[in-house]
Amino acid sequence: MYIGKLGNTEIDFVAQKQDIITYIQVAVNMTAEETFNREMRPLQNIQDNYEKIVLTLDRFTPGNYNGIKVVNVIDWLLEESNT
């Protein structure tokens, strides 16, 4: 697990287990357009096909945005596959 840099942007967490990489951004909420764009931009600029996730406390913006999953952090922590 480490912090990623892409140009002048930052990816909060880059998790790697063997050959599998997951990019994770964390935001309290994503309701403001400025916040949404700020958190999505670094992930949109990554040119590979590994999983990209934004974790948030927000329950109003979950979904899949061009391959980037926006997930409520509590739901994500309770998913069986994350244990």
PDB file of N, CA and C in Angstrom:
ATOM      1  N   MET A   1       0.860  -1.158   0.000  1.00  0.00           N
ATOM      2  CA  MET A   1       0.000   0.000   0.000  1.00  0.00           C
ATOM      3  C   MET A   1       0.907   1.221   0.000  1.00  0.00           C
ATOM      4  N   TYR A   2       0.613   2.138  -0.885  1.00  0.00           N
ATOM      5  CA  TYR A   2       1.388   3.368  -0.943  1.00  0.00           C
ATOM      6  C   TYR A   2       0.550   4.478  -1.562  1.00  0.00           C
ATOM      7  N   ILE A   3       1.048   5.701  -1.524  1.00  0.00           N
ATOM      8  CA  ILE A   3       0.386   6.851  -2.141  1.00  0.00           C
ATOM      9  C   ILE A   3       0.909   6.955  -3.559  1.00  0.00           C
ATOM     10  N   GLY A   4       0.001   7.210  -4.491  1.00  0.00           N
ATOM     11  CA  GLY A   4       0.410   7.319  -5.883  1.00  0.00           C
ATOM     12  C   GLY A   4       0.461   8.765  -6.341  1.00  0.00           C
ATOM     13  N   LYS A   5       1.351   9.056  -7.263  1.00  0.00           N
ATOM     14  CA  LYS A   5       1.460  10.380  -7.874  1.00  0.00           C
ATOM     15  C   LYS A   5       1.286  10.216  -9.374  1.00  0.00           C
ATOM     16  N   LEU A   6       0.500  11.105  -9.961  1.00  0.00           N
ATOM     17  CA  LEU A   6       0.316  11.125 -11.404  1.00  0.00           C
ATOM     18  C   LEU A   6       0.365  12.580 -11.833  1.00  0.00           C
ATOM     19  N   GLY A   7       1.502  13.005 -12.341  1.00  0.00           N
ATOM     20  CA  GLY A   7       1.682  14.421 -12.643  1.00  0.00           C
ATOM     21  C   GLY A   7       1.627  15.211 -11.351  1.00  0.00           C
ATOM     22  N   ASN A   8       0.748  16.216 -11.314  1.00  0.00           N
ATOM     23  CA  ASN A   8       0.606  17.010 -10.085  1.00  0.00           C
ATOM     24  C   ASN A   8      -0.602  16.581  -9.261  1.00  0.00           C
ATOM     25  N   THR A   9      -1.169  15.412  -9.580  1.00  0.00           N
ATOM     26  CA  THR A   9      -2.299  14.894  -8.804  1.00  0.00           C
ATOM     27  C   THR A   9      -1.837  13.720  -7.948  1.00  0.00           C
ATOM     28  N   GLU A  10      -2.665  13.383  -6.973  1.00  0.00           N
ATOM     29  CA  GLU A  10      -2.315  12.328  -6.029  1.00  0.00           C
ATOM     30  C   GLU A  10      -3.437  11.310  -5.954  1.00  0.00           C
ATOM     31  N   ILE A  11      -3.064  10.056  -5.849  1.00  0.00           N
ATOM     32  CA  ILE A  11      -4.012   8.976  -5.601  1.00  0.00           C
ATOM     33  C   ILE A  11      -3.811   8.584  -4.146  1.00  0.00           C
ATOM     34  N   ASP A  12      -4.898   8.620  -3.371  1.00  0.00           N
ATOM     35  CA  ASP A  12      -4.785   8.433  -1.922  1.00  0.00           C
ATOM     36  C   ASP A  12      -4.105   7.122  -1.546  1.00  0.00           C
ATOM     37  N   PHE A  13      -4.537   6.017  -2.163  1.00  0.00           N
ATOM     38  CA  PHE A  13      -3.960   4.713  -1.850  1.00  0.00           C
ATOM     39  C   PHE A  13      -3.810   3.896  -3.123  1.00  0.00           C
ATOM     40  N   VAL A  14      -2.681   3.236  -3.239  1.00  0.00           N
ATOM     41  CA  VAL A  14      -2.464   2.257  -4.297  1.00  0.00           C
ATOM     42  C   VAL A  14      -2.151   0.951  -3.581  1.00  0.00           C
ATOM     43  N   ALA A  15      -3.062   0.001  -3.693  1.00  0.00           N
ATOM     44  CA  ALA A  15      -2.890  -1.292  -3.031  1.00  0.00           C
ATOM     45  C   ALA A  15      -2.447  -2.310  -4.074  1.00  0.00           C
ATOM     46  N   GLN A  16      -1.425  -3.079  -3.740  1.00  0.00           N
ATOM     47  CA  GLN A  16      -0.936  -4.086  -4.670  1.00  0.00           C
ATOM     48  C   GLN A  16      -0.771  -5.405  -3.935  1.00  0.00           C
ATOM     49  N   LYS A  17      -1.363  -6.440  -4.516  1.00  0.00           N
ATOM     50  CA  LYS A  17      -1.219  -7.794  -3.990  1.00  0.00           C
ATOM     51  C   LYS A  17      -0.808  -8.663  -5.168  1.00  0.00           C
ATOM     52  N   GLN A  18       0.427  -9.080  -5.166  1.00  0.00           N
ATOM     53  CA  GLN A  18       1.041  -9.790  -6.284  1.00  0.00           C
ATOM     54  C   GLN A  18       0.892  -8.930  -7.541  1.00  0.00           C
ATOM     55  N   ASP A  19       0.201  -9.405  -8.559  1.00  0.00           N
ATOM     56  CA  ASP A  19       0.074  -8.651  -9.815  1.00  0.00           C
ATOM     57  C   ASP A  19      -1.217  -7.846  -9.907  1.00  0.00           C
ATOM     58  N   ILE A  20      -1.975  -7.753  -8.827  1.00  0.00           N
ATOM     59  CA  ILE A  20      -3.262  -7.048  -8.851  1.00  0.00           C
ATOM     60  C   ILE A  20      -3.113  -5.710  -8.139  1.00  0.00           C
ATOM     61  N   ILE A  21      -3.538  -4.651  -8.817  1.00  0.00           N
ATOM     62  CA  ILE A  21      -3.451  -3.294  -8.271  1.00  0.00           C
ATOM     63  C   ILE A  21      -4.859  -2.731  -8.130  1.00  0.00           C
ATOM     64  N   THR A  22      -5.103  -2.022  -7.036  1.00  0.00           N
ATOM     65  CA  THR A  22      -6.356  -1.291  -6.838  1.00  0.00           C
ATOM     66  C   THR A  22      -6.008   0.134  -6.445  1.00  0.00           C
ATOM     67  N   TYR A  23      -6.618   1.093  -7.147  1.00  0.00           N
ATOM     68  CA  TYR A  23      -6.420   2.510  -6.857  1.00  0.00           C
ATOM     69  C   TYR A  23      -7.617   2.996  -6.050  1.00  0.00           C
ATOM     70  N   ILE A  24      -7.363   3.704  -4.946  1.00  0.00           N
ATOM     71  CA  ILE A  24      -8.446   4.131  -4.060  1.00  0.00           C
ATOM     72  C   ILE A  24      -8.308   5.614  -3.737  1.00  0.00           C
ATOM     73  N   GLN A  25      -9.382   6.347  -3.972  1.00  0.00           N
ATOM     74  CA  GLN A  25      -9.510   7.728  -3.530  1.00  0.00           C
ATOM     75  C   GLN A  25     -10.492   7.725  -2.364  1.00  0.00           C
ATOM     76  N   VAL A  26     -10.348   8.672  -1.441  1.00  0.00           N
ATOM     77  CA  VAL A  26     -11.239   8.773  -0.289  1.00  0.00           C
ATOM     78  C   VAL A  26     -11.738  10.210  -0.185  1.00  0.00           C
ATOM     79  N   ALA A  27     -13.068  10.362  -0.041  1.00  0.00           N
ATOM     80  CA  ALA A  27     -13.669  11.691   0.110  1.00  0.00           C
ATOM     81  C   ALA A  27     -14.831  11.586   1.087  1.00  0.00           C
ATOM     82  N   VAL A  28     -14.974  12.566   1.955  1.00  0.00           N
ATOM     83  CA  VAL A  28     -16.087  12.553   2.914  1.00  0.00           C
ATOM     84  C   VAL A  28     -17.405  12.476   2.161  1.00  0.00           C
ATOM     85  N   ASN A  29     -17.567  13.352   1.159  1.00  0.00           N
ATOM     86  CA  ASN A  29     -18.757  13.257   0.309  1.00  0.00           C
ATOM     87  C   ASN A  29     -18.402  13.712  -1.093  1.00  0.00           C
ATOM     88  N   MET A  30     -19.263  13.367  -2.030  1.00  0.00           N
ATOM     89  CA  MET A  30     -19.016  13.665  -3.443  1.00  0.00           C
ATOM     90  C   MET A  30     -20.149  14.490  -4.035  1.00  0.00           C
ATOM     91  N   THR A  31     -20.947  15.132  -3.191  1.00  0.00           N
ATOM     92  CA  THR A  31     -22.113  15.853  -3.701  1.00  0.00           C
ATOM     93  C   THR A  31     -21.739  17.134  -4.431  1.00  0.00           C
ATOM     94  N   ALA A  32     -20.677  17.790  -4.043  1.00  0.00           N
ATOM     95  CA  ALA A  32     -20.248  19.011  -4.734  1.00  0.00           C
ATOM     96  C   ALA A  32     -19.523  18.624  -6.024  1.00  0.00           C
ATOM     97  N   GLU A  33     -19.877  19.279  -7.118  1.00  0.00           N
ATOM     98  CA  GLU A  33     -19.275  18.967  -8.413  1.00  0.00           C
ATOM     99  C   GLU A  33     -17.756  19.123  -8.385  1.00  0.00           C
ATOM    100  N   GLU A  34     -17.270  20.137  -7.694  1.00  0.00           N
ATOM    101  CA  GLU A  34     -15.823  20.369  -7.599  1.00  0.00           C
ATOM    102  C   GLU A  34     -15.117  19.192  -6.917  1.00  0.00           C
ATOM    103  N   THR A  35     -15.701  18.695  -5.835  1.00  0.00           N
ATOM    104  CA  THR A  35     -15.126  17.545  -5.124  1.00  0.00           C
ATOM    105  C   THR A  35     -15.165  16.306  -6.000  1.00  0.00           C
ATOM    106  N   PHE A  36     -16.307  16.079  -6.640  1.00  0.00           N
ATOM    107  CA  PHE A  36     -16.463  14.924  -7.523  1.00  0.00           C
ATOM    108  C   PHE A  36     -15.362  14.935  -8.586  1.00  0.00           C
ATOM    109  N   ASN A  37     -15.200  16.066  -9.253  1.00  0.00           N
ATOM    110  CA  ASN A  37     -14.190  16.172 -10.314  1.00  0.00           C
ATOM    111  C   ASN A  37     -12.771  16.019  -9.777  1.00  0.00           C
ATOM    112  N   ARG A  38     -12.485  16.607  -8.622  1.00  0.00           N
ATOM    113  CA  ARG A  38     -11.146  16.526  -8.028  1.00  0.00           C
ATOM    114  C   ARG A  38     -10.771  15.083  -7.686  1.00  0.00           C
ATOM    115  N   GLU A  39     -11.721  14.328  -7.165  1.00  0.00           N
ATOM    116  CA  GLU A  39     -11.441  12.947  -6.769  1.00  0.00           C
ATOM    117  C   GLU A  39     -11.391  12.001  -7.968  1.00  0.00           C
ATOM    118  N   MET A  40     -12.185  12.277  -8.992  1.00  0.00           N
ATOM    119  CA  MET A  40     -12.241  11.400 -10.160  1.00  0.00           C
ATOM    120  C   MET A  40     -11.071  11.619 -11.121  1.00  0.00           C
ATOM    121  N   ARG A  41     -10.624  12.853 -11.257  1.00  0.00           N
ATOM    122  CA  ARG A  41      -9.615  13.202 -12.272  1.00  0.00           C
ATOM    123  C   ARG A  41      -8.362  12.321 -12.230  1.00  0.00           C
ATOM    124  N   PRO A  42      -7.730  12.121 -11.059  1.00  0.00           N
ATOM    125  CA  PRO A  42      -6.520  11.281 -11.065  1.00  0.00           C
ATOM    126  C   PRO A  42      -6.801   9.855 -11.536  1.00  0.00           C
ATOM    127  N   LEU A  43      -7.944   9.311 -11.143  1.00  0.00           N
ATOM    128  CA  LEU A  43      -8.279   7.943 -11.546  1.00  0.00           C
ATOM    129  C   LEU A  43      -8.579   7.869 -13.038  1.00  0.00           C
ATOM    130  N   GLN A  44      -9.228   8.895 -13.581  1.00  0.00           N
ATOM    131  CA  GLN A  44      -9.537   8.928 -15.013  1.00  0.00           C
ATOM    132  C   GLN A  44      -8.267   8.988 -15.856  1.00  0.00           C
ATOM    133  N   ASN A  45      -7.209   9.544 -15.311  1.00  0.00           N
ATOM    134  CA  ASN A  45      -5.962   9.694 -16.061  1.00  0.00           C
ATOM    135  C   ASN A  45      -5.074   8.457 -16.032  1.00  0.00           C
ATOM    136  N   ILE A  46      -5.422   7.464 -15.240  1.00  0.00           N
ATOM    137  CA  ILE A  46      -4.635   6.228 -15.187  1.00  0.00           C
ATOM    138  C   ILE A  46      -4.996   5.389 -16.406  1.00  0.00           C
ATOM    139  N   GLN A  47      -3.990   4.998 -17.151  1.00  0.00           N
ATOM    140  CA  GLN A  47      -4.218   4.306 -18.419  1.00  0.00           C
ATOM    141  C   GLN A  47      -4.035   2.790 -18.318  1.00  0.00           C
ATOM    142  N   ASP A  48      -4.555   2.180 -17.265  1.00  0.00           N
ATOM    143  CA  ASP A  48      -4.540   0.719 -17.196  1.00  0.00           C
ATOM    144  C   ASP A  48      -5.946   0.233 -16.852  1.00  0.00           C
ATOM    145  N   ASN A  49      -6.104  -1.054 -16.735  1.00  0.00           N
ATOM    146  CA  ASN A  49      -7.436  -1.625 -16.513  1.00  0.00           C
ATOM    147  C   ASN A  49      -7.628  -2.174 -15.106  1.00  0.00           C
ATOM    148  N   TYR A  50      -6.802  -1.737 -14.169  1.00  0.00           N
ATOM    149  CA  TYR A  50      -6.977  -2.184 -12.793  1.00  0.00           C
ATOM    150  C   TYR A  50      -8.145  -1.449 -12.142  1.00  0.00           C
ATOM    151  N   GLU A  51      -8.645  -2.015 -11.052  1.00  0.00           N
ATOM    152  CA  GLU A  51      -9.808  -1.457 -10.358  1.00  0.00           C
ATOM    153  C   GLU A  51      -9.512  -0.080  -9.775  1.00  0.00           C
ATOM    154  N   LYS A  52     -10.492   0.802  -9.943  1.00  0.00           N
ATOM    155  CA  LYS A  52     -10.402   2.167  -9.420  1.00  0.00           C
ATOM    156  C   LYS A  52     -11.659   2.439  -8.601  1.00  0.00           C
ATOM    157  N   ILE A  53     -11.476   2.893  -7.360  1.00  0.00           N
ATOM    158  CA  ILE A  53     -12.593   3.067  -6.433  1.00  0.00           C
ATOM    159  C   ILE A  53     -12.480   4.418  -5.735  1.00  0.00           C
ATOM    160  N   VAL A  54     -13.624   5.064  -5.531  1.00  0.00           N
ATOM    161  CA  VAL A  54     -13.699   6.228  -4.648  1.00  0.00           C
ATOM    162  C   VAL A  54     -14.570   5.815  -3.473  1.00  0.00           C
ATOM    163  N   LEU A  55     -14.026   5.895  -2.258  1.00  0.00           N
ATOM    164  CA  LEU A  55     -14.771   5.577  -1.040  1.00  0.00           C
ATOM    165  C   LEU A  55     -15.264   6.873  -0.417  1.00  0.00           C
ATOM    166  N   THR A  56     -16.532   6.894  -0.033  1.00  0.00           N
ATOM    167  CA  THR A  56     -17.135   8.103   0.510  1.00  0.00           C
ATOM    168  C   THR A  56     -18.178   7.752   1.560  1.00  0.00           C
ATOM    169  N   LEU A  57     -18.459   8.687   2.453  1.00  0.00           N
ATOM    170  CA  LEU A  57     -19.559   8.511   3.404  1.00  0.00           C
ATOM    171  C   LEU A  57     -20.896   8.830   2.750  1.00  0.00           C
ATOM    172  N   ASP A  58     -20.840   9.447   1.600  1.00  0.00           N
ATOM    173  CA  ASP A  58     -22.022   9.867   0.849  1.00  0.00           C
ATOM    174  C   ASP A  58     -22.840   8.654   0.399  1.00  0.00           C
ATOM    175  N   ARG A  59     -24.132   8.737   0.537  1.00  0.00           N
ATOM    176  CA  ARG A  59     -25.014   7.677   0.052  1.00  0.00           C
ATOM    177  C   ARG A  59     -25.743   8.096  -1.226  1.00  0.00           C
ATOM    178  N   PHE A  60     -25.453   9.289  -1.744  1.00  0.00           N
ATOM    179  CA  PHE A  60     -26.202   9.808  -2.882  1.00  0.00           C
ATOM    180  C   PHE A  60     -25.491   9.661  -4.214  1.00  0.00           C
ATOM    181  N   THR A  61     -24.202   9.392  -4.235  1.00  0.00           N
ATOM    182  CA  THR A  61     -23.476   9.317  -5.503  1.00  0.00           C
ATOM    183  C   THR A  61     -22.906   7.948  -5.850  1.00  0.00           C
ATOM    184  N   PRO A  62     -23.254   6.860  -5.148  1.00  0.00           N
ATOM    185  CA  PRO A  62     -22.685   5.568  -5.519  1.00  0.00           C
ATOM    186  C   PRO A  62     -23.042   5.210  -6.959  1.00  0.00           C
ATOM    187  N   GLY A  63     -22.156   4.490  -7.582  1.00  0.00           N
ATOM    188  CA  GLY A  63     -22.389   4.048  -8.949  1.00  0.00           C
ATOM    189  C   GLY A  63     -21.072   3.797  -9.649  1.00  0.00           C
ATOM    190  N   ASN A  64     -21.182   3.581 -10.951  1.00  0.00           N
ATOM    191  CA  ASN A  64     -20.018   3.333 -11.781  1.00  0.00           C
ATOM    192  C   ASN A  64     -19.934   4.453 -12.801  1.00  0.00           C
ATOM    193  N   TYR A  65     -18.847   5.179 -12.783  1.00  0.00           N
ATOM    194  CA  TYR A  65     -18.645   6.329 -13.658  1.00  0.00           C
ATOM    195  C   TYR A  65     -17.460   6.034 -14.574  1.00  0.00           C
ATOM    196  N   ASN A  66     -17.769   5.573 -15.777  1.00  0.00           N
ATOM    197  CA  ASN A  66     -16.723   5.229 -16.757  1.00  0.00           C
ATOM    198  C   ASN A  66     -15.695   4.259 -16.178  1.00  0.00           C
ATOM    199  N   GLY A  67     -16.184   3.258 -15.471  1.00  0.00           N
ATOM    200  CA  GLY A  67     -15.299   2.231 -14.930  1.00  0.00           C
ATOM    201  C   GLY A  67     -14.745   2.519 -13.551  1.00  0.00           C
ATOM    202  N   ILE A  68     -15.047   3.691 -13.009  1.00  0.00           N
ATOM    203  CA  ILE A  68     -14.602   4.040 -11.659  1.00  0.00           C
ATOM    204  C   ILE A  68     -15.779   3.853 -10.711  1.00  0.00           C
ATOM    205  N   LYS A  69     -15.599   2.979  -9.728  1.00  0.00           N
ATOM    206  CA  LYS A  69     -16.681   2.720  -8.775  1.00  0.00           C
ATOM    207  C   LYS A  69     -16.666   3.762  -7.664  1.00  0.00           C
ATOM    208  N   VAL A  70     -17.827   4.347  -7.398  1.00  0.00           N
ATOM    209  CA  VAL A  70     -18.002   5.223  -6.234  1.00  0.00           C
ATOM    210  C   VAL A  70     -18.854   4.429  -5.255  1.00  0.00           C
ATOM    211  N   VAL A  71     -18.301   4.178  -4.067  1.00  0.00           N
ATOM    212  CA  VAL A  71     -18.914   3.258  -3.116  1.00  0.00           C
ATOM    213  C   VAL A  71     -18.961   3.901  -1.734  1.00  0.00           C
ATOM    214  N   ASN A  72     -20.060   3.692  -1.034  1.00  0.00           N
ATOM    215  CA  ASN A  72     -20.136   4.113   0.361  1.00  0.00           C
ATOM    216  C   ASN A  72     -19.127   3.282   1.148  1.00  0.00           C
ATOM    217  N   VAL A  73     -18.295   3.935   1.929  1.00  0.00           N
ATOM    218  CA  VAL A  73     -17.203   3.255   2.621  1.00  0.00           C
ATOM    219  C   VAL A  73     -17.717   2.195   3.599  1.00  0.00           C
ATOM    220  N   ILE A  74     -18.834   2.445   4.248  1.00  0.00           N
ATOM    221  CA  ILE A  74     -19.374   1.452   5.188  1.00  0.00           C
ATOM    222  C   ILE A  74     -19.822   0.209   4.438  1.00  0.00           C
ATOM    223  N   ASP A  75     -20.512   0.400   3.312  1.00  0.00           N
ATOM    224  CA  ASP A  75     -20.917  -0.746   2.490  1.00  0.00           C
ATOM    225  C   ASP A  75     -19.691  -1.518   2.009  1.00  0.00           C
ATOM    226  N   TRP A  76     -18.652  -0.788   1.604  1.00  0.00           N
ATOM    227  CA  TRP A  76     -17.431  -1.419   1.097  1.00  0.00           C
ATOM    228  C   TRP A  76     -16.752  -2.248   2.189  1.00  0.00           C
ATOM    229  N   LEU A  77     -16.691  -1.694   3.404  1.00  0.00           N
ATOM    230  CA  LEU A  77     -16.060  -2.414   4.513  1.00  0.00           C
ATOM    231  C   LEU A  77     -16.834  -3.668   4.904  1.00  0.00           C
ATOM    232  N   LEU A  78     -18.147  -3.648   4.705  1.00  0.00           N
ATOM    233  CA  LEU A  78     -18.972  -4.787   5.090  1.00  0.00           C
ATOM    234  C   LEU A  78     -19.092  -5.850   4.001  1.00  0.00           C
ATOM    235  N   GLU A  79     -18.595  -5.571   2.801  1.00  0.00           N
ATOM    236  CA  GLU A  79     -18.635  -6.562   1.725  1.00  0.00           C
ATOM    237  C   GLU A  79     -17.789  -7.763   2.105  1.00  0.00           C
ATOM    238  N   GLU A  80     -18.319  -8.938   1.832  1.00  0.00           N
ATOM    239  CA  GLU A  80     -17.599 -10.167   2.153  1.00  0.00           C
ATOM    240  C   GLU A  80     -16.283 -10.277   1.407  1.00  0.00           C
ATOM    241  N   SER A  81     -16.246  -9.817   0.159  1.00  0.00           N
ATOM    242  CA  SER A  81     -15.041  -9.983  -0.660  1.00  0.00           C
ATOM    243  C   SER A  81     -13.882  -9.129  -0.171  1.00  0.00           C
ATOM    244  N   ASN A  82     -14.121  -8.163   0.699  1.00  0.00           N
ATOM    245  CA  ASN A  82     -13.050  -7.305   1.213  1.00  0.00           C
ATOM    246  C   ASN A  82     -12.417  -7.851   2.481  1.00  0.00           C
ATOM    247  N   THR A  83     -12.877  -8.981   2.962  1.00  0.00           N
ATOM    248  CA  THR A  83     -12.320  -9.515   4.209  1.00  0.00           C
ATOM    249  C   THR A  83     -11.202 -10.481   3.951  1.00  0.00           C
TER     250      THR A  83
END
